[in-house]
Amino acid sequence: MTLAPLTPYCSGKRDQGFTLAEMAIVLLILGLLASSLLPPLSARMDERGRQTTAARLQDIEHALIGFAILHGRLPCPSTEADPASAHYGLEQTPPCNHAQPGFLPWRTLGLTAVDAWGQPRSNVSDSWDGHWRYRPDPGLSDSTITAASATQSNIQIRDHAGNAITTLSASRAAAVVFSMGANRQPDGLNATHSPNVPTFQAGETTPVFDDQVLWIGLPLLISRLAQAGRL
């Protein structure tokens, strides 16, 4: 018996692969999926940065109080702009000079120079993006703190609406430190420097404000020094 030659089975479907039109549709779908994931990813990264910065601000608070316990005063700001200088990142010699915005003396305190979004500076012309801004009260940085110490510069902390968070007539803020946030620039009242009547802004993140602000109250500072037997 002679077998009939086998005829290749044909399903009627092509197997040449995707056409250009189909590839375009696939790429469009992938693009839409990717774009739908970007905002949540960006929000998660921003939140992680804020959490990291908040943790570093806690470390700064502990370091400032520790410095006060050891030295009997708060450190002056750092104002040296040249990274090659031996004084870069160190506090000024008291009395503090508040004629220009000051930065946290991170080397004096043994801390990182920047927040979660900042980068170390290598040249005098580099920006201060991401570096901690710092302002102590001169009554607590230029002389030894006692149980009777009072603030001198009346540092004010206000909310977005301009309402006072600290006492208006006699500030109870001993020092202020703030991060310039993801936009790497001081926002709101923090963008204006005042040598004599310093005013800062704190509050929730908004489209035009993302600074993270820490202030140390005078009662807390006095209490910690007393607990440590410094007073």
N, C-alpha and C. Protein backbone atom coordinates (compact mmCIF):
# COMPACT_ATOMS: atom_id res chain seq x y z
N MET A 1 0.85 -1.18 0.00
CA MET A 1 0.00 0.00 0.00
C MET A 1 0.88 1.22 0.00
N THR A 2 0.54 2.13 -0.89
CA THR A 2 1.33 3.37 -1.00
C THR A 2 0.67 4.47 -0.17
N LEU A 3 1.48 5.04 0.75
CA LEU A 3 0.94 6.10 1.59
C LEU A 3 0.98 7.43 0.86
N ALA A 4 -0.05 8.18 1.03
CA ALA A 4 -0.09 9.51 0.42
C ALA A 4 0.89 10.42 1.15
N PRO A 5 1.56 11.22 0.40
CA PRO A 5 2.52 12.14 1.04
C PRO A 5 1.82 13.04 2.04
N LEU A 6 2.56 13.28 3.17
CA LEU A 6 2.00 14.12 4.23
C LEU A 6 1.92 15.57 3.77
N THR A 7 0.82 16.15 4.05
CA THR A 7 0.62 17.55 3.70
C THR A 7 0.79 18.40 4.95
N PRO A 8 1.69 19.34 4.92
CA PRO A 8 1.89 20.18 6.13
C PRO A 8 0.58 20.80 6.59
N TYR A 9 0.38 20.70 7.93
CA TYR A 9 -0.84 21.27 8.48
C TYR A 9 -0.73 22.78 8.50
N CYS A 10 -1.75 23.41 8.09
CA CYS A 10 -1.77 24.88 8.09
C CYS A 10 -3.01 25.35 8.83
N SER A 11 -2.78 26.10 9.89
CA SER A 11 -3.92 26.57 10.68
C SER A 11 -4.57 27.79 10.08
N GLY A 12 -3.95 28.32 9.09
CA GLY A 12 -4.50 29.54 8.51
C GLY A 12 -3.96 30.79 9.19
N LYS A 13 -3.10 30.60 10.25
CA LYS A 13 -2.53 31.72 10.96
C LYS A 13 -1.11 31.96 10.51
N ARG A 14 -0.73 33.20 10.46
CA ARG A 14 0.63 33.55 10.06
C ARG A 14 1.56 33.38 11.26
N ASP A 15 2.81 33.15 11.02
CA ASP A 15 3.78 33.05 12.11
C ASP A 15 4.99 33.95 11.84
N GLN A 16 4.75 35.05 11.14
CA GLN A 16 5.85 35.94 10.81
C GLN A 16 6.22 36.88 11.95
N GLY A 17 5.52 36.88 13.12
CA GLY A 17 5.81 37.78 14.22
C GLY A 17 4.88 38.98 14.21
N PHE A 18 5.25 39.99 15.03
CA PHE A 18 4.42 41.18 15.15
C PHE A 18 4.61 42.10 13.96
N THR A 19 3.54 42.76 13.61
CA THR A 19 3.64 43.81 12.61
C THR A 19 4.06 45.09 13.30
N LEU A 20 4.45 46.08 12.53
CA LEU A 20 4.85 47.36 13.10
C LEU A 20 3.71 48.00 13.89
N ALA A 21 2.50 47.83 13.39
CA ALA A 21 1.34 48.41 14.08
C ALA A 21 1.14 47.76 15.44
N GLU A 22 1.30 46.42 15.48
CA GLU A 22 1.14 45.72 16.74
C GLU A 22 2.25 46.09 17.72
N MET A 23 3.47 46.21 17.22
CA MET A 23 4.57 46.63 18.08
C MET A 23 4.32 48.02 18.66
N ALA A 24 3.77 48.90 17.83
CA ALA A 24 3.48 50.25 18.31
C ALA A 24 2.44 50.22 19.42
N ILE A 25 1.44 49.35 19.28
CA ILE A 25 0.41 49.23 20.31
C ILE A 25 1.01 48.69 21.60
N VAL A 26 1.88 47.67 21.49
CA VAL A 26 2.53 47.11 22.68
C VAL A 26 3.36 48.17 23.39
N LEU A 27 4.15 48.91 22.61
CA LEU A 27 4.99 49.96 23.20
C LEU A 27 4.14 51.05 23.87
N LEU A 28 3.01 51.36 23.24
CA LEU A 28 2.11 52.36 23.82
C LEU A 28 1.57 51.89 25.17
N ILE A 29 1.17 50.62 25.23
CA ILE A 29 0.65 50.06 26.48
C ILE A 29 1.72 50.06 27.56
N LEU A 30 2.95 49.65 27.19
CA LEU A 30 4.05 49.64 28.16
C LEU A 30 4.35 51.05 28.66
N GLY A 31 4.27 52.01 27.73
CA GLY A 31 4.52 53.40 28.12
C GLY A 31 3.48 53.91 29.09
N LEU A 32 2.22 53.56 28.83
CA LEU A 32 1.15 53.98 29.74
C LEU A 32 1.30 53.34 31.11
N LEU A 33 1.70 52.06 31.14
CA LEU A 33 1.91 51.38 32.42
C LEU A 33 3.05 52.02 33.19
N ALA A 34 4.14 52.34 32.47
CA ALA A 34 5.30 52.95 33.13
C ALA A 34 4.96 54.32 33.68
N SER A 35 4.21 55.11 32.89
CA SER A 35 3.87 56.45 33.35
C SER A 35 2.92 56.41 34.55
N SER A 36 2.11 55.36 34.63
CA SER A 36 1.20 55.24 35.78
C SER A 36 1.95 54.89 37.05
N LEU A 37 3.16 54.32 36.92
CA LEU A 37 3.95 53.95 38.08
C LEU A 37 4.86 55.07 38.55
N LEU A 38 5.18 56.02 37.67
CA LEU A 38 6.14 57.07 38.01
C LEU A 38 5.70 57.95 39.19
N PRO A 39 4.48 58.48 39.21
CA PRO A 39 4.11 59.33 40.35
C PRO A 39 4.20 58.64 41.69
N PRO A 40 3.69 57.39 41.85
CA PRO A 40 3.85 56.73 43.14
C PRO A 40 5.31 56.51 43.51
N LEU A 41 6.17 56.15 42.52
CA LEU A 41 7.58 55.94 42.79
C LEU A 41 8.22 57.24 43.24
N SER A 42 7.91 58.33 42.56
CA SER A 42 8.46 59.63 42.93
C SER A 42 8.01 60.03 44.33
N ALA A 43 6.75 59.77 44.63
CA ALA A 43 6.23 60.11 45.95
C ALA A 43 6.91 59.28 47.03
N ARG A 44 7.16 58.01 46.75
CA ARG A 44 7.84 57.15 47.73
C ARG A 44 9.27 57.61 47.96
N MET A 45 9.95 58.00 46.90
CA MET A 45 11.32 58.48 47.03
C MET A 45 11.36 59.77 47.83
N ASP A 46 10.40 60.66 47.59
CA ASP A 46 10.35 61.92 48.32
C ASP A 46 10.07 61.66 49.80
N GLU A 47 9.16 60.75 50.07
CA GLU A 47 8.83 60.43 51.46
C GLU A 47 10.03 59.79 52.16
N ARG A 48 10.76 58.94 51.44
CA ARG A 48 11.95 58.34 52.03
C ARG A 48 12.98 59.41 52.36
N GLY A 49 13.11 60.39 51.46
CA GLY A 49 14.04 61.49 51.71
C GLY A 49 13.64 62.29 52.93
N ARG A 50 12.35 62.53 53.10
CA ARG A 50 11.87 63.30 54.25
C ARG A 50 12.09 62.51 55.55
N GLN A 51 11.89 61.21 55.51
CA GLN A 51 12.12 60.39 56.70
C GLN A 51 13.60 60.38 57.07
N THR A 52 14.46 60.27 56.06
CA THR A 52 15.90 60.30 56.32
C THR A 52 16.32 61.63 56.92
N THR A 53 15.78 62.71 56.36
CA THR A 53 16.11 64.05 56.85
C THR A 53 15.60 64.26 58.26
N ALA A 54 14.39 63.76 58.56
CA ALA A 54 13.85 63.88 59.91
C ALA A 54 14.72 63.15 60.92
N ALA A 55 15.23 61.98 60.54
CA ALA A 55 16.12 61.22 61.43
C ALA A 55 17.42 61.98 61.66
N ARG A 56 17.94 62.61 60.60
CA ARG A 56 19.17 63.38 60.76
C ARG A 56 18.95 64.62 61.62
N LEU A 57 17.76 65.21 61.53
CA LEU A 57 17.45 66.35 62.39
C LEU A 57 17.41 65.94 63.86
N GLN A 58 16.93 64.75 64.14
CA GLN A 58 16.95 64.25 65.52
C GLN A 58 18.38 64.09 66.00
N ASP A 59 19.25 63.57 65.12
CA ASP A 59 20.67 63.44 65.48
C ASP A 59 21.28 64.81 65.76
N ILE A 60 20.88 65.80 64.95
CA ILE A 60 21.40 67.16 65.14
C ILE A 60 20.95 67.71 66.49
N GLU A 61 19.68 67.50 66.84
CA GLU A 61 19.19 67.97 68.14
C GLU A 61 20.00 67.36 69.28
N HIS A 62 20.24 66.05 69.21
CA HIS A 62 21.00 65.39 70.25
C HIS A 62 22.44 65.92 70.30
N ALA A 63 23.02 66.16 69.13
CA ALA A 63 24.40 66.65 69.08
C ALA A 63 24.52 68.07 69.64
N LEU A 64 23.54 68.92 69.33
CA LEU A 64 23.57 70.29 69.85
C LEU A 64 23.43 70.31 71.37
N ILE A 65 22.51 69.50 71.89
CA ILE A 65 22.34 69.43 73.34
C ILE A 65 23.59 68.83 74.00
N GLY A 66 24.17 67.82 73.34
CA GLY A 66 25.40 67.23 73.86
C GLY A 66 26.54 68.23 73.88
N PHE A 67 26.64 69.05 72.83
CA PHE A 67 27.67 70.09 72.79
C PHE A 67 27.46 71.07 73.95
N ALA A 68 26.20 71.45 74.18
CA ALA A 68 25.90 72.39 75.27
C ALA A 68 26.25 71.79 76.63
N ILE A 69 26.03 70.50 76.79
CA ILE A 69 26.38 69.85 78.06
C ILE A 69 27.89 69.86 78.26
N LEU A 70 28.64 69.62 77.19
CA LEU A 70 30.09 69.57 77.30
C LEU A 70 30.73 70.95 77.46
N HIS A 71 30.19 71.94 76.73
CA HIS A 71 30.84 73.25 76.67
C HIS A 71 30.08 74.35 77.40
N GLY A 72 28.87 74.06 77.85
CA GLY A 72 28.11 75.07 78.58
C GLY A 72 27.47 76.12 77.70
N ARG A 73 27.46 75.91 76.42
CA ARG A 73 26.86 76.86 75.47
C ARG A 73 26.54 76.12 74.18
N LEU A 74 25.76 76.75 73.30
CA LEU A 74 25.50 76.22 71.97
C LEU A 74 26.61 76.65 71.02
N PRO A 75 26.90 75.87 69.97
CA PRO A 75 27.94 76.28 69.04
C PRO A 75 27.49 77.42 68.15
N CYS A 76 28.45 78.20 67.68
CA CYS A 76 28.17 79.22 66.67
C CYS A 76 27.97 78.55 65.32
N PRO A 77 27.35 79.24 64.37
CA PRO A 77 27.22 78.67 63.02
C PRO A 77 28.57 78.57 62.32
N SER A 78 28.60 77.83 61.24
CA SER A 78 29.76 77.78 60.35
C SER A 78 29.48 78.71 59.18
N THR A 79 30.44 79.56 58.84
CA THR A 79 30.26 80.48 57.72
C THR A 79 31.40 80.41 56.71
N GLU A 80 32.40 79.56 56.96
CA GLU A 80 33.52 79.41 56.03
C GLU A 80 33.03 78.75 54.74
N ALA A 81 33.25 79.42 53.61
CA ALA A 81 32.72 78.93 52.33
C ALA A 81 33.70 78.06 51.56
N ASP A 82 34.97 78.09 51.91
CA ASP A 82 35.99 77.38 51.13
C ASP A 82 36.20 75.98 51.70
N PRO A 83 35.84 74.93 50.94
CA PRO A 83 36.03 73.57 51.44
C PRO A 83 37.49 73.22 51.71
N ALA A 84 38.41 73.98 51.12
CA ALA A 84 39.83 73.71 51.34
C ALA A 84 40.35 74.33 52.64
N SER A 85 39.55 75.17 53.26
CA SER A 85 39.98 75.84 54.49
C SER A 85 39.95 74.87 55.66
N ALA A 86 40.89 75.05 56.58
CA ALA A 86 40.93 74.22 57.79
C ALA A 86 39.74 74.50 58.69
N HIS A 87 39.07 75.64 58.51
CA HIS A 87 37.93 76.01 59.34
C HIS A 87 36.58 75.61 58.72
N TYR A 88 36.63 74.99 57.54
CA TYR A 88 35.39 74.62 56.86
C TYR A 88 34.61 73.60 57.67
N GLY A 89 33.33 73.88 57.92
CA GLY A 89 32.49 72.97 58.69
C GLY A 89 32.64 73.09 60.19
N LEU A 90 33.50 74.02 60.64
CA LEU A 90 33.69 74.23 62.07
C LEU A 90 32.93 75.48 62.52
N GLU A 91 32.61 75.54 63.79
CA GLU A 91 31.91 76.72 64.30
C GLU A 91 32.83 77.93 64.31
N GLN A 92 32.23 79.11 64.20
CA GLN A 92 32.96 80.34 64.40
C GLN A 92 33.41 80.43 65.86
N THR A 93 34.45 81.22 66.09
CA THR A 93 34.82 81.52 67.46
C THR A 93 33.85 82.56 68.01
N PRO A 94 33.21 82.28 69.16
CA PRO A 94 32.27 83.26 69.72
C PRO A 94 32.96 84.61 69.96
N PRO A 95 32.20 85.72 69.83
CA PRO A 95 30.75 85.79 69.60
C PRO A 95 30.39 85.47 68.15
N CYS A 96 29.21 84.88 67.98
CA CYS A 96 28.75 84.47 66.65
C CYS A 96 28.46 85.69 65.78
N ASN A 97 28.74 85.53 64.52
CA ASN A 97 28.43 86.57 63.54
C ASN A 97 27.19 86.16 62.76
N HIS A 98 26.09 86.90 62.93
CA HIS A 98 24.84 86.57 62.25
C HIS A 98 24.53 87.53 61.11
N ALA A 99 25.54 88.21 60.60
CA ALA A 99 25.32 89.15 59.52
C ALA A 99 24.91 88.44 58.24
N GLN A 100 25.23 87.17 58.11
CA GLN A 100 24.86 86.38 56.94
C GLN A 100 24.28 85.06 57.41
N PRO A 101 23.54 84.36 56.54
CA PRO A 101 22.98 83.07 56.95
C PRO A 101 24.08 82.11 57.39
N GLY A 102 23.85 81.42 58.47
CA GLY A 102 24.84 80.47 58.98
C GLY A 102 24.44 79.03 58.68
N PHE A 103 25.43 78.18 58.70
CA PHE A 103 25.21 76.76 58.45
C PHE A 103 25.65 75.96 59.67
N LEU A 104 25.07 74.78 59.79
CA LEU A 104 25.40 73.93 60.92
C LEU A 104 26.89 73.60 60.92
N PRO A 105 27.59 73.74 62.05
CA PRO A 105 29.00 73.35 62.11
C PRO A 105 29.13 71.84 62.21
N TRP A 106 28.92 71.16 61.11
CA TRP A 106 28.79 69.71 61.12
C TRP A 106 30.08 69.01 61.54
N ARG A 107 31.22 69.57 61.19
CA ARG A 107 32.48 68.94 61.61
C ARG A 107 32.68 69.08 63.11
N THR A 108 32.30 70.21 63.65
CA THR A 108 32.39 70.40 65.10
C THR A 108 31.53 69.38 65.83
N LEU A 109 30.36 69.08 65.26
CA LEU A 109 29.40 68.18 65.90
C LEU A 109 29.57 66.72 65.48
N GLY A 110 30.43 66.47 64.48
CA GLY A 110 30.63 65.11 64.01
C GLY A 110 29.44 64.55 63.27
N LEU A 111 28.79 65.41 62.44
CA LEU A 111 27.58 65.02 61.72
C LEU A 111 27.78 65.14 60.22
N THR A 112 26.80 64.64 59.46
CA THR A 112 26.83 64.81 58.01
C THR A 112 26.52 66.25 57.66
N ALA A 113 27.10 66.73 56.58
CA ALA A 113 26.96 68.14 56.20
C ALA A 113 25.62 68.46 55.57
N VAL A 114 24.91 67.45 55.04
CA VAL A 114 23.75 67.72 54.20
C VAL A 114 22.56 66.86 54.58
N ASP A 115 21.40 67.27 54.05
CA ASP A 115 20.18 66.48 54.21
C ASP A 115 20.13 65.39 53.16
N ALA A 116 18.97 64.76 53.00
CA ALA A 116 18.85 63.63 52.08
C ALA A 116 19.04 64.02 50.62
N TRP A 117 18.93 65.30 50.29
CA TRP A 117 19.01 65.74 48.89
C TRP A 117 20.30 66.50 48.59
N GLY A 118 21.13 66.71 49.58
CA GLY A 118 22.31 67.54 49.40
C GLY A 118 23.53 66.76 48.93
N GLN A 119 24.52 67.51 48.46
CA GLN A 119 25.79 66.95 48.03
C GLN A 119 26.91 67.75 48.68
N PRO A 120 27.99 67.09 49.09
CA PRO A 120 29.13 67.82 49.65
C PRO A 120 29.70 68.81 48.64
N ARG A 121 30.23 69.90 49.13
CA ARG A 121 30.84 70.92 48.28
C ARG A 121 32.34 70.64 48.15
N SER A 122 32.89 70.89 46.96
CA SER A 122 34.32 70.69 46.73
C SER A 122 35.03 71.96 46.31
N ASN A 123 34.26 72.98 45.91
CA ASN A 123 34.85 74.25 45.50
C ASN A 123 34.12 75.40 46.17
N VAL A 124 34.82 76.53 46.32
CA VAL A 124 34.23 77.68 46.98
C VAL A 124 33.04 78.22 46.20
N SER A 125 33.01 77.97 44.88
CA SER A 125 31.92 78.47 44.05
C SER A 125 30.69 77.54 44.05
N ASP A 126 30.79 76.37 44.65
CA ASP A 126 29.66 75.45 44.68
C ASP A 126 28.52 76.01 45.52
N SER A 127 27.31 75.63 45.17
CA SER A 127 26.14 76.10 45.93
C SER A 127 26.07 75.37 47.27
N TRP A 128 25.23 75.91 48.15
CA TRP A 128 25.02 75.32 49.47
C TRP A 128 23.76 74.46 49.48
N ASP A 129 23.33 73.98 48.31
CA ASP A 129 22.12 73.18 48.23
C ASP A 129 22.20 71.97 49.17
N GLY A 130 21.18 71.82 50.00
CA GLY A 130 21.11 70.65 50.86
C GLY A 130 21.87 70.76 52.16
N HIS A 131 22.61 71.85 52.38
CA HIS A 131 23.34 72.02 53.64
C HIS A 131 22.41 72.60 54.71
N TRP A 132 22.59 72.15 55.93
CA TRP A 132 21.72 72.57 57.03
C TRP A 132 21.91 74.04 57.37
N ARG A 133 20.83 74.80 57.40
CA ARG A 133 20.87 76.17 57.91
C ARG A 133 20.72 76.13 59.43
N TYR A 134 21.43 77.02 60.10
CA TYR A 134 21.46 76.96 61.57
C TYR A 134 21.54 78.36 62.16
N ARG A 135 20.73 78.60 63.18
CA ARG A 135 20.75 79.90 63.87
C ARG A 135 20.55 79.68 65.37
N PRO A 136 21.59 79.93 66.20
CA PRO A 136 21.41 79.88 67.65
C PRO A 136 21.12 81.26 68.19
N ASP A 137 20.59 81.31 69.39
CA ASP A 137 20.41 82.59 70.06
C ASP A 137 21.75 83.01 70.65
N PRO A 138 22.18 84.27 70.46
CA PRO A 138 23.50 84.70 70.96
C PRO A 138 23.62 84.64 72.47
N GLY A 139 22.50 84.77 73.18
CA GLY A 139 22.56 84.68 74.63
C GLY A 139 22.90 83.28 75.11
N LEU A 140 22.78 82.29 74.22
CA LEU A 140 23.04 80.90 74.59
C LEU A 140 24.24 80.31 73.86
N SER A 141 24.82 81.08 72.95
CA SER A 141 25.99 80.61 72.21
C SER A 141 27.24 81.43 72.50
N ASP A 142 27.05 82.69 72.92
CA ASP A 142 28.20 83.57 73.13
C ASP A 142 28.66 83.60 74.58
N SER A 143 27.90 82.99 75.47
CA SER A 143 28.26 82.98 76.88
C SER A 143 27.76 81.69 77.52
N THR A 144 28.21 81.42 78.72
CA THR A 144 27.85 80.19 79.42
C THR A 144 26.37 80.21 79.82
N ILE A 145 25.69 79.10 79.58
CA ILE A 145 24.27 78.98 79.91
C ILE A 145 24.13 78.71 81.41
N THR A 146 23.22 79.43 82.02
CA THR A 146 22.88 79.19 83.42
C THR A 146 21.39 78.96 83.54
N ALA A 147 20.93 78.62 84.72
CA ALA A 147 19.50 78.41 84.94
C ALA A 147 18.70 79.68 84.71
N ALA A 148 19.37 80.82 84.80
CA ALA A 148 18.69 82.10 84.62
C ALA A 148 18.89 82.67 83.21
N SER A 149 19.52 81.93 82.32
CA SER A 149 19.79 82.44 80.97
C SER A 149 18.49 82.76 80.24
N ALA A 150 18.53 83.82 79.46
CA ALA A 150 17.37 84.24 78.65
C ALA A 150 17.82 84.41 77.21
N THR A 151 16.87 84.32 76.31
CA THR A 151 17.18 84.54 74.90
C THR A 151 17.34 86.03 74.63
N GLN A 152 18.12 86.35 73.61
CA GLN A 152 18.39 87.75 73.27
C GLN A 152 17.83 88.17 71.91
N SER A 153 17.86 87.27 70.93
CA SER A 153 17.48 87.67 69.57
C SER A 153 16.00 87.43 69.26
N ASN A 154 15.27 86.83 70.20
CA ASN A 154 13.83 86.60 70.01
C ASN A 154 13.52 85.87 68.71
N ILE A 155 14.15 84.70 68.56
CA ILE A 155 13.91 83.87 67.38
C ILE A 155 12.44 83.48 67.32
N GLN A 156 11.82 83.71 66.17
CA GLN A 156 10.39 83.42 66.01
C GLN A 156 10.18 82.27 65.03
N ILE A 157 9.24 81.38 65.38
CA ILE A 157 8.81 80.31 64.49
C ILE A 157 7.34 80.54 64.20
N ARG A 158 6.99 80.57 62.92
CA ARG A 158 5.59 80.82 62.53
C ARG A 158 5.10 79.74 61.58
N ASP A 159 3.78 79.62 61.49
CA ASP A 159 3.21 78.64 60.58
C ASP A 159 2.95 79.28 59.23
N HIS A 160 2.29 78.53 58.32
CA HIS A 160 2.06 79.02 56.96
C HIS A 160 1.23 80.29 56.93
N ALA A 161 0.33 80.42 57.91
CA ALA A 161 -0.55 81.59 57.95
C ALA A 161 0.09 82.78 58.66
N GLY A 162 1.32 82.61 59.14
CA GLY A 162 1.99 83.70 59.84
C GLY A 162 1.72 83.72 61.32
N ASN A 163 0.97 82.74 61.84
CA ASN A 163 0.68 82.68 63.27
C ASN A 163 1.93 82.24 64.04
N ALA A 164 2.15 82.85 65.20
CA ALA A 164 3.32 82.54 66.01
C ALA A 164 3.21 81.17 66.64
N ILE A 165 4.24 80.36 66.50
CA ILE A 165 4.33 79.08 67.19
C ILE A 165 5.09 79.25 68.50
N THR A 166 6.14 80.09 68.47
CA THR A 166 6.86 80.43 69.69
C THR A 166 6.27 81.71 70.29
N THR A 167 6.66 82.01 71.52
CA THR A 167 6.16 83.20 72.19
C THR A 167 6.61 84.46 71.46
N LEU A 168 5.70 85.39 71.25
CA LEU A 168 6.02 86.60 70.50
C LEU A 168 6.93 87.55 71.27
N SER A 169 6.64 87.77 72.55
CA SER A 169 7.35 88.80 73.29
C SER A 169 8.74 88.37 73.75
N ALA A 170 8.89 87.10 74.08
CA ALA A 170 10.18 86.60 74.56
C ALA A 170 10.35 85.17 74.05
N SER A 171 11.08 85.03 72.96
CA SER A 171 11.19 83.72 72.32
C SER A 171 11.73 82.66 73.28
N ARG A 172 11.14 81.49 73.19
CA ARG A 172 11.64 80.38 73.96
C ARG A 172 12.43 79.42 73.06
N ALA A 173 12.75 79.87 71.85
CA ALA A 173 13.55 79.05 70.94
C ALA A 173 15.03 79.36 71.16
N ALA A 174 15.78 78.32 71.53
CA ALA A 174 17.21 78.50 71.77
C ALA A 174 18.01 78.43 70.48
N ALA A 175 17.54 77.64 69.52
CA ALA A 175 18.24 77.49 68.24
C ALA A 175 17.29 76.89 67.21
N VAL A 176 17.58 77.15 65.95
CA VAL A 176 16.79 76.64 64.84
C VAL A 176 17.72 75.99 63.82
N VAL A 177 17.33 74.83 63.33
CA VAL A 177 18.03 74.16 62.24
C VAL A 177 16.97 73.77 61.21
N PHE A 178 17.27 73.98 59.92
CA PHE A 178 16.30 73.51 58.94
C PHE A 178 16.95 73.00 57.67
N SER A 179 16.25 72.03 57.08
CA SER A 179 16.61 71.49 55.77
C SER A 179 15.84 72.25 54.71
N MET A 180 16.49 72.53 53.59
CA MET A 180 15.84 73.25 52.51
C MET A 180 14.96 72.35 51.64
N GLY A 181 14.91 71.06 51.97
CA GLY A 181 13.99 70.16 51.29
C GLY A 181 14.43 69.74 49.91
N ALA A 182 13.52 69.06 49.22
CA ALA A 182 13.83 68.49 47.91
C ALA A 182 14.11 69.55 46.86
N ASN A 183 13.52 70.75 47.02
CA ASN A 183 13.78 71.80 46.02
C ASN A 183 15.10 72.53 46.27
N ARG A 184 15.77 72.20 47.38
CA ARG A 184 17.12 72.69 47.69
C ARG A 184 17.22 74.20 47.80
N GLN A 185 16.13 74.82 48.25
CA GLN A 185 16.16 76.26 48.48
C GLN A 185 15.24 76.60 49.65
N PRO A 186 15.59 77.60 50.45
CA PRO A 186 14.72 77.97 51.57
C PRO A 186 13.41 78.56 51.07
N ASP A 187 12.32 78.15 51.69
CA ASP A 187 10.99 78.59 51.26
C ASP A 187 10.35 79.49 52.32
N GLY A 188 9.35 80.24 51.89
CA GLY A 188 8.58 81.06 52.81
C GLY A 188 9.45 82.03 53.59
N LEU A 189 9.20 82.14 54.88
CA LEU A 189 9.95 83.05 55.73
C LEU A 189 11.41 82.64 55.86
N ASN A 190 11.71 81.38 55.58
CA ASN A 190 13.09 80.91 55.69
C ASN A 190 13.99 81.47 54.60
N ALA A 191 13.40 82.02 53.56
CA ALA A 191 14.19 82.58 52.46
C ALA A 191 14.75 83.95 52.78
N THR A 192 14.28 84.57 53.87
CA THR A 192 14.72 85.92 54.24
C THR A 192 15.59 85.86 55.48
N HIS A 193 16.78 86.46 55.40
CA HIS A 193 17.69 86.46 56.54
C HIS A 193 17.58 87.77 57.31
N SER A 194 17.49 87.67 58.62
CA SER A 194 17.45 88.85 59.47
C SER A 194 18.52 88.73 60.55
N PRO A 195 19.48 89.66 60.61
CA PRO A 195 20.51 89.58 61.64
C PRO A 195 19.97 89.80 63.04
N ASN A 196 18.90 90.60 63.18
CA ASN A 196 18.46 91.03 64.50
C ASN A 196 17.15 90.40 64.97
N VAL A 197 16.20 90.22 64.07
CA VAL A 197 14.91 89.65 64.45
C VAL A 197 14.64 88.43 63.55
N PRO A 198 15.31 87.31 63.80
CA PRO A 198 15.18 86.15 62.92
C PRO A 198 13.81 85.50 63.03
N THR A 199 13.19 85.28 61.89
CA THR A 199 11.87 84.65 61.84
C THR A 199 11.92 83.47 60.87
N PHE A 200 11.42 82.33 61.30
CA PHE A 200 11.46 81.11 60.50
C PHE A 200 10.06 80.54 60.37
N GLN A 201 9.90 79.70 59.37
CA GLN A 201 8.59 79.11 59.08
C GLN A 201 8.67 77.60 59.17
N ALA A 202 7.67 77.01 59.81
CA ALA A 202 7.57 75.56 59.92
C ALA A 202 6.17 75.13 59.56
N GLY A 203 6.01 73.91 59.11
CA GLY A 203 4.68 73.43 58.78
C GLY A 203 4.72 72.25 57.83
N GLU A 204 3.54 71.84 57.41
CA GLU A 204 3.42 70.71 56.50
C GLU A 204 3.91 71.07 55.11
N THR A 205 4.23 70.03 54.34
CA THR A 205 4.69 70.23 52.97
C THR A 205 3.54 70.72 52.10
N THR A 206 3.80 71.74 51.29
CA THR A 206 2.84 72.27 50.33
C THR A 206 3.54 72.38 48.98
N PRO A 207 2.82 72.72 47.92
CA PRO A 207 3.48 72.89 46.62
C PRO A 207 4.57 73.96 46.61
N VAL A 208 4.53 74.90 47.57
CA VAL A 208 5.52 75.98 47.58
C VAL A 208 6.37 75.97 48.85
N PHE A 209 6.26 74.93 49.68
CA PHE A 209 7.03 74.88 50.92
C PHE A 209 7.36 73.43 51.24
N ASP A 210 8.65 73.11 51.28
CA ASP A 210 9.04 71.75 51.65
C ASP A 210 10.20 71.72 52.64
N ASP A 211 10.46 72.85 53.31
CA ASP A 211 11.50 72.88 54.34
C ASP A 211 11.11 72.00 55.52
N GLN A 212 12.10 71.41 56.17
CA GLN A 212 11.89 70.67 57.41
C GLN A 212 12.64 71.40 58.51
N VAL A 213 11.90 71.84 59.52
CA VAL A 213 12.44 72.75 60.53
C VAL A 213 12.45 72.10 61.91
N LEU A 214 13.57 72.26 62.60
CA LEU A 214 13.71 71.82 63.98
C LEU A 214 14.11 73.01 64.82
N TRP A 215 13.47 73.19 65.96
CA TRP A 215 13.94 74.19 66.91
C TRP A 215 14.01 73.57 68.29
N ILE A 216 15.01 74.02 69.05
CA ILE A 216 15.21 73.54 70.42
C ILE A 216 14.69 74.61 71.36
N GLY A 217 13.74 74.26 72.19
CA GLY A 217 13.18 75.20 73.15
C GLY A 217 14.13 75.45 74.31
N LEU A 218 14.13 76.65 74.81
CA LEU A 218 14.99 77.00 75.95
C LEU A 218 14.69 76.14 77.19
N PRO A 219 13.42 75.91 77.55
CA PRO A 219 13.16 75.06 78.72
C PRO A 219 13.75 73.65 78.57
N LEU A 220 13.65 73.08 77.34
CA LEU A 220 14.22 71.76 77.12
C LEU A 220 15.73 71.79 77.30
N LEU A 221 16.38 72.81 76.73
CA LEU A 221 17.83 72.92 76.82
C LEU A 221 18.27 73.05 78.28
N ILE A 222 17.60 73.92 79.04
CA ILE A 222 17.94 74.10 80.45
C ILE A 222 17.73 72.80 81.22
N SER A 223 16.64 72.10 80.91
CA SER A 223 16.33 70.85 81.60
C SER A 223 17.41 69.80 81.33
N ARG A 224 17.84 69.69 80.08
CA ARG A 224 18.86 68.68 79.74
C ARG A 224 20.19 69.01 80.42
N LEU A 225 20.54 70.29 80.47
CA LEU A 225 21.78 70.68 81.14
C LEU A 225 21.70 70.41 82.64
N ALA A 226 20.54 70.63 83.21
CA ALA A 226 20.35 70.36 84.63
C ALA A 226 20.44 68.87 84.92
N GLN A 227 19.81 68.05 84.07
CA GLN A 227 19.86 66.60 84.24
C GLN A 227 21.27 66.08 84.17
N ALA A 228 22.09 66.72 83.34
CA ALA A 228 23.48 66.30 83.16
C ALA A 228 24.39 66.87 84.26
N GLY A 229 23.83 67.65 85.16
CA GLY A 229 24.62 68.25 86.23
C GLY A 229 25.46 69.42 85.79
N ARG A 230 25.09 70.00 84.65
CA ARG A 230 25.86 71.12 84.13
C ARG A 230 25.46 72.43 84.83
N LEU A 231 24.26 72.51 85.36
CA LEU A 231 23.79 73.74 86.00
C LEU A 231 23.83 73.60 87.53
